């Protein structure tokens, strides 16, 4: 059994986003895909500038469907969409990226979903007040939950 989660992100970012921020997003969305460019030295850096977290492409290993990541310029600024398989070992770096995105998004409210691969119900990732949070949608636990379990 594996501890794989499905991460989906769908949010807008302002058209005035600095080029350095766009470069960081493009690095996370690397066209190399999969674990290409993943280096253990990068893992030690921590924060949103770690190895590419949104770079996997192609068929998903455990969650079904395809893994994608796209950043497009649109009439409202930048549109970011990603669907990735993530492991809890990546949660500290992923939390850094989610905090970074929440501080910059022009999409208040839901910005994505996180679902354990064996669960049928995802949790909603929210960006309200520039701080990310996770809300459980499970009928028996429809309350706010820890953003990423064990990401401390």
N, C-alpha and C. Protein backbone atom coordinates (compact mmCIF):
# COMPACT_ATOMS: atom_id res chain seq x y z
N UNK A 1 0.84 -1.18 0.00
CA UNK A 1 0.00 0.00 0.00
C UNK A 1 0.89 1.24 0.00
N UNK A 2 0.51 2.24 -0.76
CA UNK A 2 1.30 3.46 -0.84
C UNK A 2 0.51 4.64 -0.28
N UNK A 3 1.25 5.63 0.15
CA UNK A 3 0.65 6.84 0.71
C UNK A 3 0.61 7.93 -0.36
N UNK A 4 -0.13 7.71 -1.41
CA UNK A 4 -0.19 8.67 -2.51
C UNK A 4 -1.47 9.49 -2.41
N UNK A 5 -1.33 10.77 -2.65
CA UNK A 5 -2.46 11.70 -2.65
C UNK A 5 -2.61 12.29 -4.05
N UNK A 6 -3.84 12.61 -4.39
CA UNK A 6 -4.13 13.37 -5.60
C UNK A 6 -4.21 14.84 -5.21
N UNK A 7 -3.44 15.67 -5.90
CA UNK A 7 -3.48 17.11 -5.70
C UNK A 7 -4.00 17.74 -6.99
N UNK A 8 -5.06 18.54 -6.86
CA UNK A 8 -5.57 19.31 -7.99
C UNK A 8 -5.53 20.78 -7.61
N UNK A 9 -5.00 21.60 -8.49
CA UNK A 9 -4.98 23.04 -8.30
C UNK A 9 -5.62 23.71 -9.51
N UNK A 10 -6.43 24.72 -9.26
CA UNK A 10 -7.04 25.53 -10.32
C UNK A 10 -7.24 26.93 -9.76
N UNK A 11 -6.39 27.86 -10.17
CA UNK A 11 -6.47 29.20 -9.61
C UNK A 11 -5.92 30.21 -10.60
N UNK A 12 -6.26 31.46 -10.36
CA UNK A 12 -5.76 32.57 -11.17
C UNK A 12 -4.74 33.35 -10.37
N UNK A 13 -3.80 33.93 -11.10
CA UNK A 13 -2.78 34.79 -10.52
C UNK A 13 -2.81 36.10 -11.29
N UNK A 14 -2.47 37.21 -10.65
CA UNK A 14 -2.56 38.50 -11.33
C UNK A 14 -1.61 38.61 -12.52
N UNK A 15 -2.04 39.38 -13.52
CA UNK A 15 -1.20 39.62 -14.68
C UNK A 15 0.07 40.37 -14.34
N UNK A 16 0.07 41.05 -13.20
CA UNK A 16 1.23 41.83 -12.76
C UNK A 16 2.25 40.99 -11.98
N UNK A 17 2.08 39.67 -11.97
CA UNK A 17 3.00 38.80 -11.24
C UNK A 17 4.43 39.04 -11.74
N UNK A 18 5.37 39.29 -10.84
CA UNK A 18 6.75 39.56 -11.26
C UNK A 18 7.35 38.38 -12.03
N UNK A 19 8.27 38.69 -12.91
CA UNK A 19 8.93 37.66 -13.72
C UNK A 19 9.62 36.61 -12.86
N UNK A 20 10.16 37.01 -11.71
CA UNK A 20 10.81 36.02 -10.83
C UNK A 20 9.79 35.01 -10.30
N UNK A 21 8.57 35.47 -10.01
CA UNK A 21 7.52 34.55 -9.57
C UNK A 21 7.10 33.62 -10.70
N UNK A 22 6.98 34.17 -11.90
CA UNK A 22 6.63 33.34 -13.06
C UNK A 22 7.71 32.30 -13.33
N UNK A 23 8.97 32.70 -13.18
CA UNK A 23 10.07 31.75 -13.37
C UNK A 23 9.99 30.60 -12.37
N UNK A 24 9.65 30.92 -11.12
CA UNK A 24 9.51 29.88 -10.10
C UNK A 24 8.38 28.92 -10.46
N UNK A 25 7.24 29.45 -10.89
CA UNK A 25 6.13 28.59 -11.30
C UNK A 25 6.51 27.74 -12.50
N UNK A 26 7.17 28.33 -13.45
CA UNK A 26 7.59 27.56 -14.64
C UNK A 26 8.55 26.45 -14.26
N UNK A 27 9.38 26.69 -13.27
CA UNK A 27 10.30 25.65 -12.80
C UNK A 27 9.51 24.50 -12.18
N UNK A 28 8.49 24.82 -11.38
CA UNK A 28 7.66 23.77 -10.79
C UNK A 28 6.87 23.01 -11.85
N UNK A 29 6.57 23.65 -12.96
CA UNK A 29 5.81 23.05 -14.05
C UNK A 29 6.72 22.51 -15.16
N UNK A 30 7.95 22.28 -14.85
CA UNK A 30 8.98 21.85 -15.80
C UNK A 30 8.44 20.96 -16.90
N UNK A 31 8.84 21.25 -18.13
CA UNK A 31 8.44 20.43 -19.27
C UNK A 31 9.14 19.08 -19.28
N UNK A 32 10.15 18.92 -18.42
CA UNK A 32 10.88 17.65 -18.37
C UNK A 32 10.02 16.53 -17.83
N UNK A 33 9.01 16.88 -17.01
CA UNK A 33 8.05 15.89 -16.50
C UNK A 33 8.65 14.92 -15.51
N UNK A 34 7.76 14.17 -14.84
CA UNK A 34 8.17 13.13 -13.89
C UNK A 34 9.12 13.66 -12.85
N UNK A 35 10.13 12.89 -12.55
CA UNK A 35 11.13 13.28 -11.57
C UNK A 35 12.35 13.89 -12.22
N UNK A 36 12.27 14.21 -13.50
CA UNK A 36 13.40 14.82 -14.18
C UNK A 36 13.76 16.11 -13.47
N UNK A 37 15.04 16.31 -13.27
CA UNK A 37 15.50 17.50 -12.58
C UNK A 37 15.40 17.39 -11.07
N UNK A 38 14.88 16.29 -10.56
CA UNK A 38 14.77 16.09 -9.12
C UNK A 38 16.12 15.70 -8.58
N UNK A 39 16.61 16.46 -7.65
CA UNK A 39 17.94 16.25 -7.09
C UNK A 39 17.81 16.27 -5.58
N UNK A 40 18.47 15.33 -4.90
CA UNK A 40 18.36 15.27 -3.44
C UNK A 40 18.86 16.56 -2.80
N UNK A 41 19.83 17.24 -3.43
CA UNK A 41 20.30 18.51 -2.88
C UNK A 41 19.19 19.55 -2.89
N UNK A 42 18.30 19.49 -3.90
CA UNK A 42 17.17 20.42 -3.97
C UNK A 42 16.23 20.20 -2.80
N UNK A 43 16.05 18.94 -2.37
CA UNK A 43 15.12 18.64 -1.29
C UNK A 43 15.53 19.33 0.00
N UNK A 44 16.84 19.47 0.22
CA UNK A 44 17.32 20.05 1.46
C UNK A 44 17.04 21.55 1.52
N UNK A 45 16.80 22.17 0.38
CA UNK A 45 16.59 23.62 0.34
C UNK A 45 15.29 24.01 1.03
N UNK A 46 14.24 23.20 0.92
CA UNK A 46 12.95 23.51 1.53
C UNK A 46 12.26 24.67 0.85
N UNK A 47 11.06 25.01 1.31
CA UNK A 47 10.32 26.14 0.77
C UNK A 47 9.85 25.92 -0.65
N UNK A 48 9.28 26.98 -1.25
CA UNK A 48 8.69 26.84 -2.58
C UNK A 48 9.71 26.67 -3.69
N UNK A 49 11.01 26.82 -3.40
CA UNK A 49 12.02 26.72 -4.45
C UNK A 49 12.67 25.34 -4.50
N UNK A 50 12.02 24.32 -3.96
CA UNK A 50 12.56 22.97 -4.02
C UNK A 50 12.38 22.40 -5.42
N UNK A 51 12.68 21.12 -5.56
CA UNK A 51 12.55 20.48 -6.87
C UNK A 51 11.14 20.67 -7.41
N UNK A 52 10.95 20.52 -8.72
CA UNK A 52 9.63 20.76 -9.33
C UNK A 52 8.54 19.88 -8.72
N UNK A 53 7.50 20.51 -8.19
CA UNK A 53 6.41 19.79 -7.52
C UNK A 53 5.20 19.57 -8.43
N UNK A 54 5.15 20.26 -9.56
CA UNK A 54 3.99 20.18 -10.45
C UNK A 54 4.42 19.73 -11.85
N UNK A 55 5.49 18.96 -11.95
CA UNK A 55 6.10 18.65 -13.23
C UNK A 55 5.70 17.32 -13.84
N UNK A 56 5.05 16.44 -13.12
CA UNK A 56 4.73 15.12 -13.67
C UNK A 56 3.69 15.23 -14.77
N UNK A 57 3.87 14.44 -15.81
CA UNK A 57 2.95 14.40 -16.95
C UNK A 57 2.71 12.95 -17.32
N UNK A 58 1.58 12.71 -18.00
CA UNK A 58 1.29 11.37 -18.49
C UNK A 58 0.33 10.63 -17.57
N UNK A 59 0.23 9.32 -17.75
CA UNK A 59 -0.70 8.52 -16.95
C UNK A 59 -0.33 8.54 -15.46
N UNK A 60 -1.34 8.67 -14.62
CA UNK A 60 -1.11 8.63 -13.17
C UNK A 60 -0.82 7.20 -12.75
N UNK A 61 0.00 7.05 -11.73
CA UNK A 61 0.40 5.74 -11.23
C UNK A 61 -0.69 5.11 -10.38
N UNK A 62 -1.28 5.89 -9.44
CA UNK A 62 -2.25 5.34 -8.48
C UNK A 62 -3.63 5.97 -8.54
N UNK A 63 -3.76 7.21 -8.97
CA UNK A 63 -5.03 7.92 -8.83
C UNK A 63 -5.91 7.85 -10.07
N UNK A 64 -5.41 7.27 -11.13
CA UNK A 64 -6.17 7.23 -12.38
C UNK A 64 -6.09 8.54 -13.12
N UNK A 65 -6.41 8.51 -14.39
CA UNK A 65 -6.39 9.72 -15.19
C UNK A 65 -4.97 10.15 -15.53
N UNK A 66 -4.85 11.40 -15.92
CA UNK A 66 -3.56 11.94 -16.37
C UNK A 66 -3.03 12.97 -15.38
N UNK A 67 -1.72 13.08 -15.33
CA UNK A 67 -1.05 14.11 -14.54
C UNK A 67 -0.73 15.27 -15.48
N UNK A 68 -1.10 16.48 -15.06
CA UNK A 68 -0.96 17.66 -15.90
C UNK A 68 -0.47 18.84 -15.08
N UNK A 69 0.00 19.85 -15.77
CA UNK A 69 0.37 21.12 -15.16
C UNK A 69 0.47 22.16 -16.25
N UNK A 70 -0.21 23.27 -16.08
CA UNK A 70 -0.26 24.29 -17.14
C UNK A 70 -0.38 25.68 -16.52
N UNK A 71 0.38 26.61 -17.06
CA UNK A 71 0.30 28.02 -16.70
C UNK A 71 0.05 28.79 -17.99
N UNK A 72 -1.09 29.47 -18.07
CA UNK A 72 -1.49 30.16 -19.30
C UNK A 72 -1.81 31.62 -19.01
N UNK A 73 -1.41 32.48 -19.93
CA UNK A 73 -1.77 33.89 -19.84
C UNK A 73 -3.20 34.05 -20.36
N UNK A 74 -4.03 34.76 -19.62
CA UNK A 74 -5.42 34.96 -20.02
C UNK A 74 -5.85 36.39 -19.79
N UNK A 75 -7.13 36.68 -20.03
CA UNK A 75 -7.62 38.05 -19.88
C UNK A 75 -7.60 38.54 -18.43
N UNK A 76 -7.62 37.61 -17.46
CA UNK A 76 -7.62 38.00 -16.04
C UNK A 76 -6.24 37.85 -15.41
N UNK A 77 -5.22 37.64 -16.21
CA UNK A 77 -3.87 37.43 -15.68
C UNK A 77 -3.37 36.05 -16.07
N UNK A 78 -2.88 35.31 -15.09
CA UNK A 78 -2.34 33.97 -15.31
C UNK A 78 -3.29 32.92 -14.74
N UNK A 79 -3.49 31.85 -15.48
CA UNK A 79 -4.32 30.73 -15.03
C UNK A 79 -3.41 29.53 -14.79
N UNK A 80 -3.49 28.96 -13.59
CA UNK A 80 -2.69 27.79 -13.22
C UNK A 80 -3.61 26.61 -12.97
N UNK A 81 -3.33 25.50 -13.62
CA UNK A 81 -4.05 24.25 -13.39
C UNK A 81 -3.03 23.14 -13.29
N UNK A 82 -3.19 22.28 -12.28
CA UNK A 82 -2.28 21.14 -12.12
C UNK A 82 -3.04 19.99 -11.48
N UNK A 83 -2.67 18.78 -11.87
CA UNK A 83 -3.16 17.55 -11.23
C UNK A 83 -1.95 16.65 -11.10
N UNK A 84 -1.60 16.32 -9.86
CA UNK A 84 -0.37 15.59 -9.58
C UNK A 84 -0.61 14.51 -8.53
N UNK A 85 0.25 13.50 -8.53
CA UNK A 85 0.31 12.53 -7.44
C UNK A 85 1.41 13.01 -6.51
N UNK A 86 1.10 13.12 -5.22
CA UNK A 86 2.09 13.58 -4.25
C UNK A 86 2.17 12.59 -3.10
N UNK A 87 3.36 12.49 -2.53
CA UNK A 87 3.62 11.61 -1.39
C UNK A 87 3.78 12.49 -0.15
N UNK A 88 3.40 12.00 1.02
CA UNK A 88 3.54 12.81 2.24
C UNK A 88 4.95 13.33 2.48
N UNK A 89 5.97 12.66 1.97
CA UNK A 89 7.34 13.18 2.11
C UNK A 89 7.49 14.53 1.42
N UNK A 90 6.63 14.81 0.45
CA UNK A 90 6.68 16.08 -0.28
C UNK A 90 5.85 17.17 0.39
N UNK A 91 5.07 16.82 1.41
CA UNK A 91 4.15 17.79 2.02
C UNK A 91 4.84 19.05 2.55
N UNK A 92 6.00 18.97 3.22
CA UNK A 92 6.60 20.22 3.69
C UNK A 92 6.91 21.19 2.53
N UNK A 93 7.49 20.69 1.45
CA UNK A 93 7.78 21.54 0.30
C UNK A 93 6.49 22.00 -0.37
N UNK A 94 5.52 21.10 -0.46
CA UNK A 94 4.23 21.44 -1.07
C UNK A 94 3.50 22.49 -0.25
N UNK A 95 3.56 22.38 1.06
CA UNK A 95 2.93 23.40 1.90
C UNK A 95 3.56 24.76 1.64
N UNK A 96 4.88 24.80 1.48
CA UNK A 96 5.54 26.06 1.15
C UNK A 96 5.02 26.65 -0.15
N UNK A 97 4.82 25.79 -1.15
CA UNK A 97 4.29 26.26 -2.43
C UNK A 97 2.84 26.73 -2.29
N UNK A 98 2.02 26.00 -1.52
CA UNK A 98 0.62 26.40 -1.33
C UNK A 98 0.52 27.74 -0.60
N UNK A 99 1.35 27.96 0.40
CA UNK A 99 1.37 29.24 1.11
C UNK A 99 1.79 30.35 0.14
N UNK A 100 2.79 30.06 -0.66
CA UNK A 100 3.29 31.02 -1.66
C UNK A 100 2.19 31.36 -2.66
N UNK A 101 1.48 30.35 -3.17
CA UNK A 101 0.38 30.58 -4.12
C UNK A 101 -0.77 31.34 -3.48
N UNK A 102 -1.14 30.97 -2.25
CA UNK A 102 -2.26 31.62 -1.56
C UNK A 102 -2.00 33.11 -1.36
N UNK A 103 -0.74 33.48 -1.15
CA UNK A 103 -0.39 34.88 -0.96
C UNK A 103 -0.46 35.68 -2.26
N UNK A 104 -0.50 34.99 -3.40
CA UNK A 104 -0.47 35.67 -4.68
C UNK A 104 -1.74 35.49 -5.51
N UNK A 105 -2.59 34.54 -5.17
CA UNK A 105 -3.74 34.24 -6.02
C UNK A 105 -4.75 35.38 -6.04
N UNK A 106 -5.40 35.51 -7.18
CA UNK A 106 -6.52 36.44 -7.30
C UNK A 106 -7.83 35.66 -7.29
N UNK A 107 -7.77 34.40 -6.86
CA UNK A 107 -8.93 33.51 -6.76
C UNK A 107 -9.24 33.27 -5.29
N UNK A 108 -10.12 34.07 -4.67
CA UNK A 108 -10.46 33.79 -3.27
C UNK A 108 -11.34 32.55 -3.18
N UNK A 109 -11.21 31.82 -2.09
CA UNK A 109 -12.02 30.61 -1.91
C UNK A 109 -11.27 29.38 -2.35
N UNK A 110 -11.97 28.42 -2.95
CA UNK A 110 -11.32 27.15 -3.31
C UNK A 110 -10.28 27.33 -4.41
N UNK A 111 -9.10 26.75 -4.18
CA UNK A 111 -8.03 26.79 -5.18
C UNK A 111 -7.62 25.38 -5.61
N UNK A 112 -8.21 24.36 -5.00
CA UNK A 112 -7.86 23.00 -5.38
C UNK A 112 -8.40 21.97 -4.42
N UNK A 113 -7.90 20.74 -4.59
CA UNK A 113 -8.36 19.60 -3.80
C UNK A 113 -7.18 18.70 -3.46
N UNK A 114 -7.29 18.02 -2.33
CA UNK A 114 -6.32 17.01 -1.91
C UNK A 114 -7.10 15.78 -1.50
N UNK A 115 -6.74 14.63 -2.09
CA UNK A 115 -7.48 13.39 -1.80
C UNK A 115 -6.51 12.23 -1.67
N UNK A 116 -6.61 11.50 -0.54
CA UNK A 116 -5.85 10.26 -0.39
C UNK A 116 -6.34 9.30 -1.47
N UNK A 117 -5.44 8.59 -2.12
CA UNK A 117 -5.83 7.81 -3.30
C UNK A 117 -6.88 6.74 -3.03
N UNK A 118 -7.04 6.29 -1.78
CA UNK A 118 -8.06 5.29 -1.47
C UNK A 118 -9.37 5.91 -1.00
N UNK A 119 -9.40 7.22 -0.85
CA UNK A 119 -10.60 7.91 -0.39
C UNK A 119 -11.48 8.28 -1.59
N UNK A 120 -12.77 8.31 -1.34
CA UNK A 120 -13.70 8.72 -2.40
C UNK A 120 -14.07 10.19 -2.30
N UNK A 121 -13.70 10.84 -1.20
CA UNK A 121 -14.08 12.23 -0.97
C UNK A 121 -12.81 13.08 -0.80
N UNK A 122 -12.64 14.12 -1.63
CA UNK A 122 -11.47 14.99 -1.48
C UNK A 122 -11.70 16.04 -0.40
N UNK A 123 -10.61 16.65 0.04
CA UNK A 123 -10.67 17.83 0.89
C UNK A 123 -10.42 19.05 0.00
N UNK A 124 -11.09 20.15 0.30
CA UNK A 124 -10.95 21.37 -0.50
C UNK A 124 -9.81 22.21 0.05
N UNK A 125 -8.95 22.68 -0.83
CA UNK A 125 -7.89 23.62 -0.46
C UNK A 125 -8.44 25.03 -0.70
N UNK A 126 -8.39 25.85 0.34
CA UNK A 126 -8.96 27.20 0.30
C UNK A 126 -7.86 28.24 0.43
N UNK A 127 -8.07 29.39 -0.19
CA UNK A 127 -7.18 30.54 -0.03
C UNK A 127 -8.04 31.73 0.33
N UNK A 128 -8.28 31.93 1.60
CA UNK A 128 -9.04 33.07 2.09
C UNK A 128 -8.13 33.92 2.96
N UNK A 129 -8.07 35.19 2.69
CA UNK A 129 -7.21 36.06 3.47
C UNK A 129 -5.74 35.77 3.26
N UNK A 130 -5.38 35.26 2.09
CA UNK A 130 -4.00 34.96 1.71
C UNK A 130 -3.36 33.86 2.55
N UNK A 131 -4.15 33.08 3.25
CA UNK A 131 -3.63 31.96 4.04
C UNK A 131 -4.34 30.70 3.58
N UNK A 132 -3.59 29.65 3.19
CA UNK A 132 -4.26 28.44 2.74
C UNK A 132 -4.80 27.61 3.90
N UNK A 133 -5.88 26.90 3.63
CA UNK A 133 -6.43 25.96 4.62
C UNK A 133 -7.03 24.79 3.86
N UNK A 134 -7.36 23.75 4.59
CA UNK A 134 -7.96 22.56 3.98
C UNK A 134 -9.25 22.26 4.71
N UNK A 135 -10.34 22.10 3.95
CA UNK A 135 -11.65 21.80 4.52
C UNK A 135 -12.06 20.40 4.10
N UNK A 136 -12.41 19.59 5.08
CA UNK A 136 -12.85 18.23 4.78
C UNK A 136 -14.28 18.26 4.26
N UNK A 137 -14.55 17.47 3.23
CA UNK A 137 -15.90 17.36 2.68
C UNK A 137 -16.58 16.08 3.12
N UNK A 138 -15.87 15.24 3.85
CA UNK A 138 -16.46 13.98 4.29
C UNK A 138 -17.67 14.29 5.16
N UNK A 139 -18.82 13.65 4.89
CA UNK A 139 -20.06 13.96 5.62
C UNK A 139 -19.93 13.87 7.14
N UNK A 140 -19.11 12.97 7.63
CA UNK A 140 -18.98 12.82 9.08
C UNK A 140 -17.93 13.75 9.68
N UNK A 141 -17.18 14.45 8.83
CA UNK A 141 -16.11 15.30 9.33
C UNK A 141 -16.02 16.59 8.54
N UNK A 142 -17.12 17.23 8.25
CA UNK A 142 -17.13 18.45 7.46
C UNK A 142 -16.68 19.64 8.30
N UNK A 143 -15.39 19.61 8.67
CA UNK A 143 -14.79 20.66 9.47
C UNK A 143 -13.41 20.98 8.89
N UNK A 144 -12.84 22.09 9.32
CA UNK A 144 -11.50 22.43 8.87
C UNK A 144 -10.51 21.42 9.40
N UNK A 145 -9.54 21.05 8.56
CA UNK A 145 -8.53 20.06 8.91
C UNK A 145 -7.14 20.67 8.76
N UNK A 146 -6.13 20.00 9.30
CA UNK A 146 -4.75 20.42 9.14
C UNK A 146 -4.43 20.50 7.65
N UNK A 147 -3.75 21.57 7.21
CA UNK A 147 -3.51 21.79 5.79
C UNK A 147 -2.89 20.57 5.12
N UNK A 148 -1.77 20.10 5.61
CA UNK A 148 -1.13 18.89 5.09
C UNK A 148 -0.68 18.07 6.30
N UNK A 149 -1.26 16.89 6.49
CA UNK A 149 -0.95 16.10 7.68
C UNK A 149 0.55 15.85 7.82
N UNK A 150 1.09 16.18 8.98
CA UNK A 150 2.49 15.90 9.28
C UNK A 150 3.50 16.76 8.53
N UNK A 151 3.11 17.92 8.03
CA UNK A 151 4.02 18.75 7.24
C UNK A 151 4.92 19.64 8.09
N UNK A 152 4.88 19.52 9.37
CA UNK A 152 5.64 20.42 10.24
C UNK A 152 7.09 20.39 9.98
